[in-house]
Amino acid sequence: MDNQNQGQEVGKIVDIRKQVEAHKGEMIEITSQFGRKRENRHKVKLIEAYATHFVIENIPARGPRTTESYQYADILTSTILIHF
């Protein structure tokens, strides 16, 4: 990868981070793919946004609360989708 493409990807990650930080503390929807045709869509609370990753809290109707963290690169590579 040349430096120009790497710089463009870093710029996109910075933009993604700003968008995520703007919704800190809010309920959002996350869609994550677990296979070719399987995907999981659930509402979560965006707890914290750091320089390289963000933390969400999943509050299911039944069962314990769980926290997960994702990198901004996961959004860039479409590993997960965020719906504000």
PDB file of N, CA and C in Angstrom:
ATOM      1  N   MET A   1       0.854  -1.175   0.000  1.00  0.00           N
ATOM      2  CA  MET A   1       0.000   0.000   0.000  1.00  0.00           C
ATOM      3  C   MET A   1       0.897   1.233   0.000  1.00  0.00           C
ATOM      4  N   ASP A   2       0.585   2.164  -0.863  1.00  0.00           N
ATOM      5  CA  ASP A   2       1.411   3.357  -0.900  1.00  0.00           C
ATOM      6  C   ASP A   2       0.949   4.364   0.149  1.00  0.00           C
ATOM      7  N   ASN A   3       1.757   5.376   0.359  1.00  0.00           N
ATOM      8  CA  ASN A   3       1.477   6.348   1.428  1.00  0.00           C
ATOM      9  C   ASN A   3       0.208   7.140   1.191  1.00  0.00           C
ATOM     10  N   GLN A   4      -0.138   7.415  -0.073  1.00  0.00           N
ATOM     11  CA  GLN A   4      -1.341   8.195  -0.360  1.00  0.00           C
ATOM     12  C   GLN A   4      -2.595   7.431   0.058  1.00  0.00           C
ATOM     13  N   ASN A   5      -2.688   6.148  -0.317  1.00  0.00           N
ATOM     14  CA  ASN A   5      -3.848   5.342   0.079  1.00  0.00           C
ATOM     15  C   ASN A   5      -3.916   5.179   1.588  1.00  0.00           C
ATOM     16  N   GLN A   6      -2.780   5.003   2.234  1.00  0.00           N
ATOM     17  CA  GLN A   6      -2.749   4.858   3.685  1.00  0.00           C
ATOM     18  C   GLN A   6      -3.238   6.143   4.345  1.00  0.00           C
ATOM     19  N   GLY A   7      -2.854   7.278   3.822  1.00  0.00           N
ATOM     20  CA  GLY A   7      -3.306   8.559   4.362  1.00  0.00           C
ATOM     21  C   GLY A   7      -4.793   8.761   4.200  1.00  0.00           C
ATOM     22  N   GLN A   8      -5.345   8.292   3.064  1.00  0.00           N
ATOM     23  CA  GLN A   8      -6.791   8.401   2.848  1.00  0.00           C
ATOM     24  C   GLN A   8      -7.554   7.542   3.842  1.00  0.00           C
ATOM     25  N   GLU A   9      -7.060   6.331   4.119  1.00  0.00           N
ATOM     26  CA  GLU A   9      -7.735   5.455   5.075  1.00  0.00           C
ATOM     27  C   GLU A   9      -7.680   6.027   6.480  1.00  0.00           C
ATOM     28  N   VAL A  10      -6.555   6.622   6.853  1.00  0.00           N
ATOM     29  CA  VAL A  10      -6.450   7.245   8.173  1.00  0.00           C
ATOM     30  C   VAL A  10      -7.435   8.407   8.268  1.00  0.00           C
ATOM     31  N   GLY A  11      -7.571   9.182   7.220  1.00  0.00           N
ATOM     32  CA  GLY A  11      -8.525  10.283   7.208  1.00  0.00           C
ATOM     33  C   GLY A  11      -9.952   9.795   7.374  1.00  0.00           C
ATOM     34  N   LYS A  12     -10.286   8.677   6.732  1.00  0.00           N
ATOM     35  CA  LYS A  12     -11.626   8.109   6.858  1.00  0.00           C
ATOM     36  C   LYS A  12     -11.870   7.624   8.280  1.00  0.00           C
ATOM     37  N   ILE A  13     -10.856   7.018   8.885  1.00  0.00           N
ATOM     38  CA  ILE A  13     -11.010   6.538  10.265  1.00  0.00           C
ATOM     39  C   ILE A  13     -11.222   7.710  11.212  1.00  0.00           C
ATOM     40  N   VAL A  14     -10.537   8.814  10.986  1.00  0.00           N
ATOM     41  CA  VAL A  14     -10.729  10.002  11.819  1.00  0.00           C
ATOM     42  C   VAL A  14     -12.154  10.518  11.679  1.00  0.00           C
ATOM     43  N   ASP A  15     -12.691  10.528  10.466  1.00  0.00           N
ATOM     44  CA  ASP A  15     -14.078  10.947  10.249  1.00  0.00           C
ATOM     45  C   ASP A  15     -15.055  10.007  10.945  1.00  0.00           C
ATOM     46  N   ILE A  16     -14.803   8.704  10.855  1.00  0.00           N
ATOM     47  CA  ILE A  16     -15.663   7.720  11.517  1.00  0.00           C
ATOM     48  C   ILE A  16     -15.626   7.942  13.024  1.00  0.00           C
ATOM     49  N   ARG A  17     -14.442   8.166  13.575  1.00  0.00           N
ATOM     50  CA  ARG A  17     -14.312   8.382  15.019  1.00  0.00           C
ATOM     51  C   ARG A  17     -15.111   9.607  15.457  1.00  0.00           C
ATOM     52  N   LYS A  18     -15.067  10.678  14.693  1.00  0.00           N
ATOM     53  CA  LYS A  18     -15.826  11.891  15.038  1.00  0.00           C
ATOM     54  C   LYS A  18     -17.327  11.620  15.027  1.00  0.00           C
ATOM     55  N   GLN A  19     -17.788  10.849  14.041  1.00  0.00           N
ATOM     56  CA  GLN A  19     -19.218  10.516  13.982  1.00  0.00           C
ATOM     57  C   GLN A  19     -19.635   9.672  15.173  1.00  0.00           C
ATOM     58  N   VAL A  20     -18.805   8.708  15.534  1.00  0.00           N
ATOM     59  CA  VAL A  20     -19.122   7.840  16.676  1.00  0.00           C
ATOM     60  C   VAL A  20     -19.108   8.650  17.964  1.00  0.00           C
ATOM     61  N   GLU A  21     -18.105   9.501  18.153  1.00  0.00           N
ATOM     62  CA  GLU A  21     -18.013  10.314  19.370  1.00  0.00           C
ATOM     63  C   GLU A  21     -19.217  11.227  19.528  1.00  0.00           C
ATOM     64  N   ALA A  22     -19.805  11.684  18.430  1.00  0.00           N
ATOM     65  CA  ALA A  22     -20.965  12.571  18.492  1.00  0.00           C
ATOM     66  C   ALA A  22     -22.190  11.866  19.077  1.00  0.00           C
ATOM     67  N   HIS A  23     -22.204  10.549  19.085  1.00  0.00           N
ATOM     68  CA  HIS A  23     -23.354   9.790  19.582  1.00  0.00           C
ATOM     69  C   HIS A  23     -23.058   9.062  20.884  1.00  0.00           C
ATOM     70  N   LYS A  24     -22.006   9.475  21.575  1.00  0.00           N
ATOM     71  CA  LYS A  24     -21.644   8.836  22.843  1.00  0.00           C
ATOM     72  C   LYS A  24     -22.773   8.998  23.862  1.00  0.00           C
ATOM     73  N   GLY A  25     -23.106   7.894  24.532  1.00  0.00           N
ATOM     74  CA  GLY A  25     -24.174   7.902  25.526  1.00  0.00           C
ATOM     75  C   GLY A  25     -25.548   7.611  24.953  1.00  0.00           C
ATOM     76  N   GLU A  26     -25.657   7.481  23.643  1.00  0.00           N
ATOM     77  CA  GLU A  26     -26.948   7.241  23.000  1.00  0.00           C
ATOM     78  C   GLU A  26     -27.141   5.768  22.679  1.00  0.00           C
ATOM     79  N   MET A  27     -28.401   5.399  22.433  1.00  0.00           N
ATOM     80  CA  MET A  27     -28.726   4.062  21.957  1.00  0.00           C
ATOM     81  C   MET A  27     -28.546   4.059  20.438  1.00  0.00           C
ATOM     82  N   ILE A  28     -27.825   3.064  19.939  1.00  0.00           N
ATOM     83  CA  ILE A  28     -27.597   2.922  18.502  1.00  0.00           C
ATOM     84  C   ILE A  28     -27.868   1.479  18.116  1.00  0.00           C
ATOM     85  N   GLU A  29     -27.941   1.212  16.823  1.00  0.00           N
ATOM     86  CA  GLU A  29     -28.090  -0.161  16.342  1.00  0.00           C
ATOM     87  C   GLU A  29     -26.803  -0.575  15.660  1.00  0.00           C
ATOM     88  N   ILE A  30     -26.400  -1.811  15.927  1.00  0.00           N
ATOM     89  CA  ILE A  30     -25.203  -2.368  15.302  1.00  0.00           C
ATOM     90  C   ILE A  30     -25.593  -3.635  14.566  1.00  0.00           C
ATOM     91  N   THR A  31     -25.123  -3.760  13.342  1.00  0.00           N
ATOM     92  CA  THR A  31     -25.298  -4.971  12.559  1.00  0.00           C
ATOM     93  C   THR A  31     -23.928  -5.589  12.363  1.00  0.00           C
ATOM     94  N   SER A  32     -23.782  -6.828  12.795  1.00  0.00           N
ATOM     95  CA  SER A  32     -22.511  -7.524  12.631  1.00  0.00           C
ATOM     96  C   SER A  32     -22.759  -8.800  11.841  1.00  0.00           C
ATOM     97  N   GLN A  33     -21.854  -9.085  10.928  1.00  0.00           N
ATOM     98  CA  GLN A  33     -21.975 -10.275  10.101  1.00  0.00           C
ATOM     99  C   GLN A  33     -21.212 -11.429  10.749  1.00  0.00           C
ATOM    100  N   PHE A  34     -21.841 -12.585  10.779  1.00  0.00           N
ATOM    101  CA  PHE A  34     -21.213 -13.768  11.352  1.00  0.00           C
ATOM    102  C   PHE A  34     -21.054 -14.875  10.324  1.00  0.00           C
ATOM    103  N   GLY A  35     -21.230 -14.607   9.093  1.00  0.00           N
ATOM    104  CA  GLY A  35     -21.096 -15.623   8.068  1.00  0.00           C
ATOM    105  C   GLY A  35     -21.575 -15.077   6.746  1.00  0.00           C
ATOM    106  N   ARG A  36     -21.723 -15.965   5.794  1.00  0.00           N
ATOM    107  CA  ARG A  36     -22.088 -15.522   4.455  1.00  0.00           C
ATOM    108  C   ARG A  36     -23.452 -14.854   4.417  1.00  0.00           C
ATOM    109  N   LYS A  37     -24.430 -15.443   5.077  1.00  0.00           N
ATOM    110  CA  LYS A  37     -25.784 -14.882   5.021  1.00  0.00           C
ATOM    111  C   LYS A  37     -26.359 -14.599   6.400  1.00  0.00           C
ATOM    112  N   ARG A  38     -25.556 -14.761   7.429  1.00  0.00           N
ATOM    113  CA  ARG A  38     -26.043 -14.521   8.788  1.00  0.00           C
ATOM    114  C   ARG A  38     -25.587 -13.153   9.254  1.00  0.00           C
ATOM    115  N   GLU A  39     -26.491 -12.433   9.861  1.00  0.00           N
ATOM    116  CA  GLU A  39     -26.125 -11.170  10.473  1.00  0.00           C
ATOM    117  C   GLU A  39     -26.936 -10.978  11.738  1.00  0.00           C
ATOM    118  N   ASN A  40     -26.368 -10.230  12.662  1.00  0.00           N
ATOM    119  CA  ASN A  40     -26.984  -9.992  13.960  1.00  0.00           C
ATOM    120  C   ASN A  40     -27.167  -8.492  14.112  1.00  0.00           C
ATOM    121  N   ARG A  41     -28.391  -8.047  14.302  1.00  0.00           N
ATOM    122  CA  ARG A  41     -28.681  -6.620  14.470  1.00  0.00           C
ATOM    123  C   ARG A  41     -29.305  -6.419  15.843  1.00  0.00           C
ATOM    124  N   HIS A  42     -28.689  -5.537  16.646  1.00  0.00           N
ATOM    125  CA  HIS A  42     -29.213  -5.313  17.983  1.00  0.00           C
ATOM    126  C   HIS A  42     -28.957  -3.873  18.429  1.00  0.00           C
ATOM    127  N   LYS A  43     -29.813  -3.439  19.360  1.00  0.00           N
ATOM    128  CA  LYS A  43     -29.668  -2.092  19.924  1.00  0.00           C
ATOM    129  C   LYS A  43     -28.712  -2.153  21.095  1.00  0.00           C
ATOM    130  N   VAL A  44     -27.811  -1.183  21.142  1.00  0.00           N
ATOM    131  CA  VAL A  44     -26.802  -1.125  22.184  1.00  0.00           C
ATOM    132  C   VAL A  44     -26.623   0.325  22.612  1.00  0.00           C
ATOM    133  N   LYS A  45     -25.967   0.506  23.730  1.00  0.00           N
ATOM    134  CA  LYS A  45     -25.650   1.849  24.209  1.00  0.00           C
ATOM    135  C   LYS A  45     -24.164   2.091  23.967  1.00  0.00           C
ATOM    136  N   LEU A  46     -23.853   3.202  23.328  1.00  0.00           N
ATOM    137  CA  LEU A  46     -22.467   3.576  23.077  1.00  0.00           C
ATOM    138  C   LEU A  46     -21.916   4.210  24.346  1.00  0.00           C
ATOM    139  N   ILE A  47     -21.029   3.497  25.020  1.00  0.00           N
ATOM    140  CA  ILE A  47     -20.536   3.941  26.326  1.00  0.00           C
ATOM    141  C   ILE A  47     -19.381   4.913  26.208  1.00  0.00           C
ATOM    142  N   GLU A  48     -18.369   4.537  25.439  1.00  0.00           N
ATOM    143  CA  GLU A  48     -17.148   5.349  25.400  1.00  0.00           C
ATOM    144  C   GLU A  48     -16.514   5.256  24.024  1.00  0.00           C
ATOM    145  N   ALA A  49     -15.836   6.328  23.630  1.00  0.00           N
ATOM    146  CA  ALA A  49     -15.099   6.358  22.367  1.00  0.00           C
ATOM    147  C   ALA A  49     -13.663   6.773  22.669  1.00  0.00           C
ATOM    148  N   TYR A  50     -12.736   5.930  22.275  1.00  0.00           N
ATOM    149  CA  TYR A  50     -11.313   6.183  22.480  1.00  0.00           C
ATOM    150  C   TYR A  50     -10.654   6.485  21.137  1.00  0.00           C
ATOM    151  N   ALA A  51      -9.358   6.685  21.140  1.00  0.00           N
ATOM    152  CA  ALA A  51      -8.636   7.047  19.921  1.00  0.00           C
ATOM    153  C   ALA A  51      -8.672   5.934  18.870  1.00  0.00           C
ATOM    154  N   THR A  52      -8.618   4.674  19.286  1.00  0.00           N
ATOM    155  CA  THR A  52      -8.550   3.575  18.329  1.00  0.00           C
ATOM    156  C   THR A  52      -9.764   2.656  18.333  1.00  0.00           C
ATOM    157  N   HIS A  53     -10.604   2.754  19.347  1.00  0.00           N
ATOM    158  CA  HIS A  53     -11.749   1.856  19.440  1.00  0.00           C
ATOM    159  C   HIS A  53     -12.867   2.514  20.239  1.00  0.00           C
ATOM    160  N   PHE A  54     -14.034   1.860  20.237  1.00  0.00           N
ATOM    161  CA  PHE A  54     -15.166   2.342  21.027  1.00  0.00           C
ATOM    162  C   PHE A  54     -15.794   1.164  21.744  1.00  0.00           C
ATOM    163  N   VAL A  55     -16.499   1.469  22.845  1.00  0.00           N
ATOM    164  CA  VAL A  55     -17.071   0.434  23.708  1.00  0.00           C
ATOM    165  C   VAL A  55     -18.588   0.595  23.716  1.00  0.00           C
ATOM    166  N   ILE A  56     -19.283  -0.545  23.575  1.00  0.00           N
ATOM    167  CA  ILE A  56     -20.735  -0.555  23.622  1.00  0.00           C
ATOM    168  C   ILE A  56     -21.201  -1.461  24.747  1.00  0.00           C
ATOM    169  N   GLU A  57     -22.425  -1.224  25.209  1.00  0.00           N
ATOM    170  CA  GLU A  57     -23.036  -2.089  26.209  1.00  0.00           C
ATOM    171  C   GLU A  57     -24.313  -2.659  25.614  1.00  0.00           C
ATOM    172  N   ASN A  58     -24.392  -3.973  25.575  1.00  0.00           N
ATOM    173  CA  ASN A  58     -25.564  -4.671  25.069  1.00  0.00           C
ATOM    174  C   ASN A  58     -26.485  -4.965  26.246  1.00  0.00           C
ATOM    175  N   ILE A  59     -27.726  -4.499  26.157  1.00  0.00           N
ATOM    176  CA  ILE A  59     -28.691  -4.691  27.235  1.00  0.00           C
ATOM    177  C   ILE A  59     -29.827  -5.560  26.691  1.00  0.00           C
ATOM    178  N   PRO A  60     -29.677  -6.892  26.775  1.00  0.00           N
ATOM    179  CA  PRO A  60     -30.708  -7.775  26.228  1.00  0.00           C
ATOM    180  C   PRO A  60     -31.952  -7.803  27.116  1.00  0.00           C
ATOM    181  N   ALA A  61     -33.057  -8.240  26.532  1.00  0.00           N
ATOM    182  CA  ALA A  61     -34.298  -8.363  27.297  1.00  0.00           C
ATOM    183  C   ALA A  61     -34.145  -9.392  28.411  1.00  0.00           C
ATOM    184  N   ARG A  62     -33.398 -10.454  28.120  1.00  0.00           N
ATOM    185  CA  ARG A  62     -33.115 -11.471  29.124  1.00  0.00           C
ATOM    186  C   ARG A  62     -31.616 -11.695  29.167  1.00  0.00           C
ATOM    187  N   GLY A  63     -31.126 -12.012  30.316  1.00  0.00           N
ATOM    188  CA  GLY A  63     -29.710 -12.321  30.448  1.00  0.00           C
ATOM    189  C   GLY A  63     -28.896 -11.134  30.929  1.00  0.00           C
ATOM    190  N   PRO A  64     -27.633 -11.360  31.145  1.00  0.00           N
ATOM    191  CA  PRO A  64     -26.772 -10.302  31.686  1.00  0.00           C
ATOM    192  C   PRO A  64     -26.352  -9.292  30.628  1.00  0.00           C
ATOM    193  N   ARG A  65     -26.032  -8.108  31.104  1.00  0.00           N
ATOM    194  CA  ARG A  65     -25.485  -7.080  30.222  1.00  0.00           C
ATOM    195  C   ARG A  65     -24.068  -7.469  29.823  1.00  0.00           C
ATOM    196  N   THR A  66     -23.713  -7.158  28.605  1.00  0.00           N
ATOM    197  CA  THR A  66     -22.366  -7.441  28.142  1.00  0.00           C
ATOM    198  C   THR A  66     -21.768  -6.187  27.520  1.00  0.00           C
ATOM    199  N   THR A  67     -20.472  -6.063  27.608  1.00  0.00           N
ATOM    200  CA  THR A  67     -19.785  -4.964  26.936  1.00  0.00           C
ATOM    201  C   THR A  67     -18.876  -5.547  25.860  1.00  0.00           C
ATOM    202  N   GLU A  68     -18.774  -4.831  24.785  1.00  0.00           N
ATOM    203  CA  GLU A  68     -17.927  -5.228  23.667  1.00  0.00           C
ATOM    204  C   GLU A  68     -17.195  -3.999  23.172  1.00  0.00           C
ATOM    205  N   SER A  69     -16.064  -4.220  22.550  1.00  0.00           N
ATOM    206  CA  SER A  69     -15.351  -3.101  21.939  1.00  0.00           C
ATOM    207  C   SER A  69     -15.086  -3.423  20.478  1.00  0.00           C
ATOM    208  N   TYR A  70     -15.106  -2.398  19.665  1.00  0.00           N
ATOM    209  CA  TYR A  70     -14.840  -2.519  18.242  1.00  0.00           C
ATOM    210  C   TYR A  70     -13.853  -1.447  17.841  1.00  0.00           C
ATOM    211  N   GLN A  71     -13.093  -1.720  16.806  1.00  0.00           N
ATOM    212  CA  GLN A  71     -12.187  -0.730  16.267  1.00  0.00           C
ATOM    213  C   GLN A  71     -12.910   0.044  15.166  1.00  0.00           C
ATOM    214  N   TYR A  72     -12.479   1.269  14.930  1.00  0.00           N
ATOM    215  CA  TYR A  72     -13.074   2.068  13.860  1.00  0.00           C
ATOM    216  C   TYR A  72     -12.812   1.418  12.505  1.00  0.00           C
ATOM    217  N   ALA A  73     -11.720   0.683  12.399  1.00  0.00           N
ATOM    218  CA  ALA A  73     -11.413  -0.032  11.156  1.00  0.00           C
ATOM    219  C   ALA A  73     -12.477  -1.081  10.841  1.00  0.00           C
ATOM    220  N   ASP A  74     -13.165  -1.612  11.868  1.00  0.00           N
ATOM    221  CA  ASP A  74     -14.252  -2.566  11.643  1.00  0.00           C
ATOM    222  C   ASP A  74     -15.385  -1.924  10.848  1.00  0.00           C
ATOM    223  N   ILE A  75     -15.627  -0.644  11.079  1.00  0.00           N
ATOM    224  CA  ILE A  75     -16.652   0.081  10.328  1.00  0.00           C
ATOM    225  C   ILE A  75     -16.152   0.339   8.912  1.00  0.00           C
ATOM    226  N   LEU A  76     -14.897   0.729   8.790  1.00  0.00           N
ATOM    227  CA  LEU A  76     -14.300   1.017   7.492  1.00  0.00           C
ATOM    228  C   LEU A  76     -14.306  -0.208   6.596  1.00  0.00           C
ATOM    229  N   THR A  77     -14.059  -1.380   7.148  1.00  0.00           N
ATOM    230  CA  THR A  77     -14.029  -2.623   6.369  1.00  0.00           C
ATOM    231  C   THR A  77     -15.379  -3.313   6.304  1.00  0.00           C
ATOM    232  N   SER A  78     -16.415  -2.696   6.841  1.00  0.00           N
ATOM    233  CA  SER A  78     -17.798  -3.213   6.835  1.00  0.00           C
ATOM    234  C   SER A  78     -17.933  -4.528   7.597  1.00  0.00           C
ATOM    235  N   THR A  79     -17.070  -4.759   8.569  1.00  0.00           N
ATOM    236  CA  THR A  79     -17.242  -5.913   9.455  1.00  0.00           C
ATOM    237  C   THR A  79     -18.484  -5.703  10.313  1.00  0.00           C
ATOM    238  N   ILE A  80     -18.705  -4.443  10.712  1.00  0.00           N
ATOM    239  CA  ILE A  80     -19.939  -4.064  11.414  1.00  0.00           C
ATOM    240  C   ILE A  80     -20.508  -2.828  10.746  1.00  0.00           C
ATOM    241  N   LEU A  81     -21.794  -2.624  10.911  1.00  0.00           N
ATOM    242  CA  LEU A  81     -22.475  -1.427  10.424  1.00  0.00           C
ATOM    243  C   LEU A  81     -23.124  -0.749  11.613  1.00  0.00           C
ATOM    244  N   ILE A  82     -23.039   0.567  11.664  1.00  0.00           N
ATOM    245  CA  ILE A  82     -23.678   1.319  12.754  1.00  0.00           C
ATOM    246  C   ILE A  82     -24.813   2.138  12.174  1.00  0.00           C
ATOM    247  N   HIS A  83     -25.941   2.102  12.865  1.00  0.00           N
ATOM    248  CA  HIS A  83     -27.115   2.883  12.491  1.00  0.00           C
ATOM    249  C   HIS A  83     -27.420   3.830  13.644  1.00  0.00           C
ATOM    250  N   PHE A  84     -27.199   5.120  13.421  1.00  0.00           N
ATOM    251  CA  PHE A  84     -27.432   6.117  14.481  1.00  0.00           C
ATOM    252  C   PHE A  84     -28.879   6.486  14.551  1.00  0.00           C
TER     253      PHE A  84
END
